Amino acid sequence: MTPFALVGVQELWPIAIIVLILFGAKRLPEMARSMGQGIKEFKKGLREVDEDDESESKQQSQSKSEAETK
């Protein structure tokens, strides 16, 4: 069971109010936007790593097959 499975709406309201008090209503949209951009960049980085791994494995398999045919 994940820790987030135990968090319900009743628990989120106090957290939202505390965040609103700490950061203010003007800064919340900025923070949400920057978090969204960060998540987007993180996912892009993960995709690039996966693509690099796939291309490396293809190159290795091609070089192995070429070595076996010689």
N, C-alpha and C. Protein backbone atom coordinates (compact mmCIF):
# COMPACT_ATOMS: atom_id res chain seq x y z
N MET A 1 0.85 -1.18 0.00
CA MET A 1 0.00 0.00 0.00
C MET A 1 0.90 1.24 0.00
N THR A 2 0.61 2.17 -0.86
CA THR A 2 1.40 3.38 -0.94
C THR A 2 0.98 4.37 0.14
N PRO A 3 1.89 5.25 0.55
CA PRO A 3 1.54 6.23 1.58
C PRO A 3 0.45 7.19 1.12
N PHE A 4 0.36 7.44 -0.18
CA PHE A 4 -0.64 8.39 -0.67
C PHE A 4 -2.05 7.79 -0.67
N ALA A 5 -2.14 6.49 -0.55
CA ALA A 5 -3.46 5.86 -0.51
C ALA A 5 -4.19 6.21 0.79
N LEU A 6 -3.45 6.59 1.80
CA LEU A 6 -4.04 6.91 3.09
C LEU A 6 -4.46 8.37 3.20
N VAL A 7 -4.13 9.20 2.22
CA VAL A 7 -4.45 10.63 2.27
C VAL A 7 -5.79 10.85 1.57
N GLY A 8 -6.72 11.45 2.31
CA GLY A 8 -8.03 11.73 1.75
C GLY A 8 -8.26 13.23 1.65
N VAL A 9 -9.46 13.60 1.25
CA VAL A 9 -9.81 15.01 1.09
C VAL A 9 -9.74 15.74 2.42
N GLN A 10 -10.15 15.07 3.48
CA GLN A 10 -10.12 15.70 4.80
C GLN A 10 -8.71 16.07 5.22
N GLU A 11 -7.74 15.29 4.82
CA GLU A 11 -6.35 15.58 5.17
C GLU A 11 -5.75 16.65 4.26
N LEU A 12 -6.26 16.77 3.04
CA LEU A 12 -5.69 17.73 2.09
C LEU A 12 -6.11 19.16 2.39
N TRP A 13 -7.29 19.38 2.94
CA TRP A 13 -7.75 20.74 3.23
C TRP A 13 -6.82 21.49 4.18
N PRO A 14 -6.44 20.93 5.32
CA PRO A 14 -5.51 21.66 6.19
C PRO A 14 -4.16 21.93 5.52
N ILE A 15 -3.70 20.98 4.73
CA ILE A 15 -2.43 21.17 4.02
C ILE A 15 -2.56 22.32 3.03
N ALA A 16 -3.66 22.38 2.30
CA ALA A 16 -3.88 23.46 1.33
C ALA A 16 -3.96 24.81 2.02
N ILE A 17 -4.61 24.87 3.16
CA ILE A 17 -4.72 26.14 3.89
C ILE A 17 -3.37 26.59 4.40
N ILE A 18 -2.57 25.67 4.91
CA ILE A 18 -1.23 26.02 5.40
C ILE A 18 -0.36 26.52 4.25
N VAL A 19 -0.41 25.85 3.11
CA VAL A 19 0.37 26.29 1.94
C VAL A 19 -0.08 27.68 1.50
N LEU A 20 -1.37 27.93 1.50
CA LEU A 20 -1.90 29.23 1.12
C LEU A 20 -1.41 30.31 2.07
N ILE A 21 -1.39 30.02 3.35
CA ILE A 21 -0.93 31.00 4.34
C ILE A 21 0.57 31.25 4.18
N LEU A 22 1.35 30.19 3.99
CA LEU A 22 2.80 30.34 3.89
C LEU A 22 3.24 31.09 2.64
N PHE A 23 2.65 30.77 1.50
CA PHE A 23 3.14 31.31 0.24
C PHE A 23 2.27 32.42 -0.33
N GLY A 24 1.05 32.53 0.08
CA GLY A 24 0.17 33.57 -0.42
C GLY A 24 -0.49 33.19 -1.73
N ALA A 25 -1.60 33.86 -2.00
CA ALA A 25 -2.39 33.54 -3.19
C ALA A 25 -1.70 33.98 -4.47
N LYS A 26 -0.86 35.00 -4.41
CA LYS A 26 -0.21 35.49 -5.63
C LYS A 26 0.91 34.56 -6.08
N ARG A 27 1.57 33.92 -5.14
CA ARG A 27 2.71 33.09 -5.50
C ARG A 27 2.34 31.66 -5.88
N LEU A 28 1.17 31.22 -5.49
CA LEU A 28 0.77 29.84 -5.78
C LEU A 28 0.73 29.51 -7.27
N PRO A 29 0.15 30.36 -8.13
CA PRO A 29 0.17 30.03 -9.56
C PRO A 29 1.59 29.94 -10.13
N GLU A 30 2.49 30.81 -9.66
CA GLU A 30 3.89 30.75 -10.10
C GLU A 30 4.51 29.42 -9.71
N MET A 31 4.28 29.03 -8.46
CA MET A 31 4.86 27.78 -7.98
C MET A 31 4.30 26.59 -8.74
N ALA A 32 3.01 26.59 -9.00
CA ALA A 32 2.40 25.49 -9.74
C ALA A 32 2.95 25.42 -11.16
N ARG A 33 3.13 26.58 -11.78
CA ARG A 33 3.67 26.63 -13.14
C ARG A 33 5.10 26.08 -13.16
N SER A 34 5.92 26.50 -12.20
CA SER A 34 7.30 26.04 -12.18
C SER A 34 7.38 24.55 -11.87
N MET A 35 6.49 24.06 -11.01
CA MET A 35 6.47 22.62 -10.74
C MET A 35 6.08 21.85 -12.00
N GLY A 36 5.13 22.36 -12.75
CA GLY A 36 4.72 21.72 -14.00
C GLY A 36 5.85 21.68 -15.01
N GLN A 37 6.59 22.77 -15.11
CA GLN A 37 7.73 22.81 -16.03
C GLN A 37 8.81 21.83 -15.58
N GLY A 38 9.03 21.75 -14.28
CA GLY A 38 10.03 20.82 -13.77
C GLY A 38 9.66 19.37 -14.06
N ILE A 39 8.40 19.04 -13.88
CA ILE A 39 7.93 17.68 -14.17
C ILE A 39 8.07 17.38 -15.66
N LYS A 40 7.74 18.38 -16.49
CA LYS A 40 7.84 18.21 -17.94
C LYS A 40 9.29 17.95 -18.35
N GLU A 41 10.24 18.71 -17.79
CA GLU A 41 11.65 18.51 -18.10
C GLU A 41 12.14 17.16 -17.60
N PHE A 42 11.67 16.75 -16.43
CA PHE A 42 12.06 15.46 -15.88
C PHE A 42 11.61 14.32 -16.79
N LYS A 43 10.37 14.38 -17.25
CA LYS A 43 9.85 13.35 -18.15
C LYS A 43 10.61 13.34 -19.47
N LYS A 44 10.96 14.54 -19.95
CA LYS A 44 11.72 14.64 -21.20
C LYS A 44 13.09 13.98 -21.03
N GLY A 45 13.72 14.22 -19.89
CA GLY A 45 15.00 13.60 -19.61
C GLY A 45 14.91 12.09 -19.54
N LEU A 46 13.85 11.59 -18.93
CA LEU A 46 13.65 10.14 -18.87
C LEU A 46 13.49 9.54 -20.26
N ARG A 47 12.72 10.23 -21.11
CA ARG A 47 12.53 9.74 -22.48
C ARG A 47 13.85 9.72 -23.23
N GLU A 48 14.67 10.76 -23.06
CA GLU A 48 15.95 10.81 -23.75
C GLU A 48 16.87 9.68 -23.30
N VAL A 49 16.86 9.38 -22.01
CA VAL A 49 17.68 8.29 -21.50
C VAL A 49 17.22 6.96 -22.09
N ASP A 50 15.91 6.76 -22.15
CA ASP A 50 15.37 5.53 -22.73
C ASP A 50 15.76 5.41 -24.20
N GLU A 51 15.67 6.51 -24.95
CA GLU A 51 16.03 6.48 -26.37
C GLU A 51 17.52 6.19 -26.54
N ASP A 52 18.36 6.78 -25.67
CA ASP A 52 19.79 6.52 -25.75
C ASP A 52 20.09 5.05 -25.45
N ASP A 53 19.43 4.50 -24.44
CA ASP A 53 19.64 3.10 -24.10
C ASP A 53 19.23 2.19 -25.25
N GLU A 54 18.11 2.49 -25.89
CA GLU A 54 17.64 1.68 -27.00
C GLU A 54 18.60 1.73 -28.17
N SER A 55 19.12 2.93 -28.48
CA SER A 55 20.04 3.04 -29.61
C SER A 55 21.36 2.32 -29.31
N GLU A 56 21.82 2.38 -28.06
CA GLU A 56 23.05 1.67 -27.69
C GLU A 56 22.86 0.17 -27.80
N SER A 57 21.72 -0.33 -27.34
CA SER A 57 21.48 -1.78 -27.40
C SER A 57 21.37 -2.24 -28.85
N LYS A 58 20.77 -1.43 -29.73
CA LYS A 58 20.68 -1.78 -31.14
C LYS A 58 22.07 -1.83 -31.77
N GLN A 59 22.92 -0.85 -31.43
CA GLN A 59 24.27 -0.83 -31.97
C GLN A 59 25.06 -2.04 -31.50
N GLN A 60 24.90 -2.40 -30.24
CA GLN A 60 25.62 -3.56 -29.71
C GLN A 60 25.15 -4.84 -30.38
N SER A 61 23.85 -4.97 -30.58
CA SER A 61 23.34 -6.19 -31.21
C SER A 61 23.79 -6.26 -32.67
N GLN A 62 23.85 -5.13 -33.35
CA GLN A 62 24.32 -5.12 -34.74
C GLN A 62 25.79 -5.49 -34.81
N SER A 63 26.60 -4.96 -33.90
CA SER A 63 28.03 -5.27 -33.93
C SER A 63 28.26 -6.74 -33.59
N LYS A 64 27.45 -7.30 -32.69
CA LYS A 64 27.58 -8.72 -32.37
C LYS A 64 27.20 -9.59 -33.56
N SER A 65 26.13 -9.22 -34.25
CA SER A 65 25.70 -10.02 -35.40
C SER A 65 26.71 -9.91 -36.54
N GLU A 66 27.32 -8.75 -36.70
CA GLU A 66 28.35 -8.58 -37.73
C GLU A 66 29.58 -9.41 -37.39
N ALA A 67 29.94 -9.45 -36.11
CA ALA A 67 31.10 -10.23 -35.69
C ALA A 67 30.84 -11.73 -35.85
N GLU A 68 29.62 -12.16 -35.63
CA GLU A 68 29.29 -13.57 -35.77
C GLU A 68 29.28 -14.01 -37.23
N THR A 69 28.93 -13.13 -38.14
CA THR A 69 28.86 -13.49 -39.56
C THR A 69 30.24 -13.54 -40.19
N LYS A 70 31.22 -12.93 -39.58
CA LYS A 70 32.58 -12.92 -40.17
C LYS A 70 33.33 -14.16 -39.88
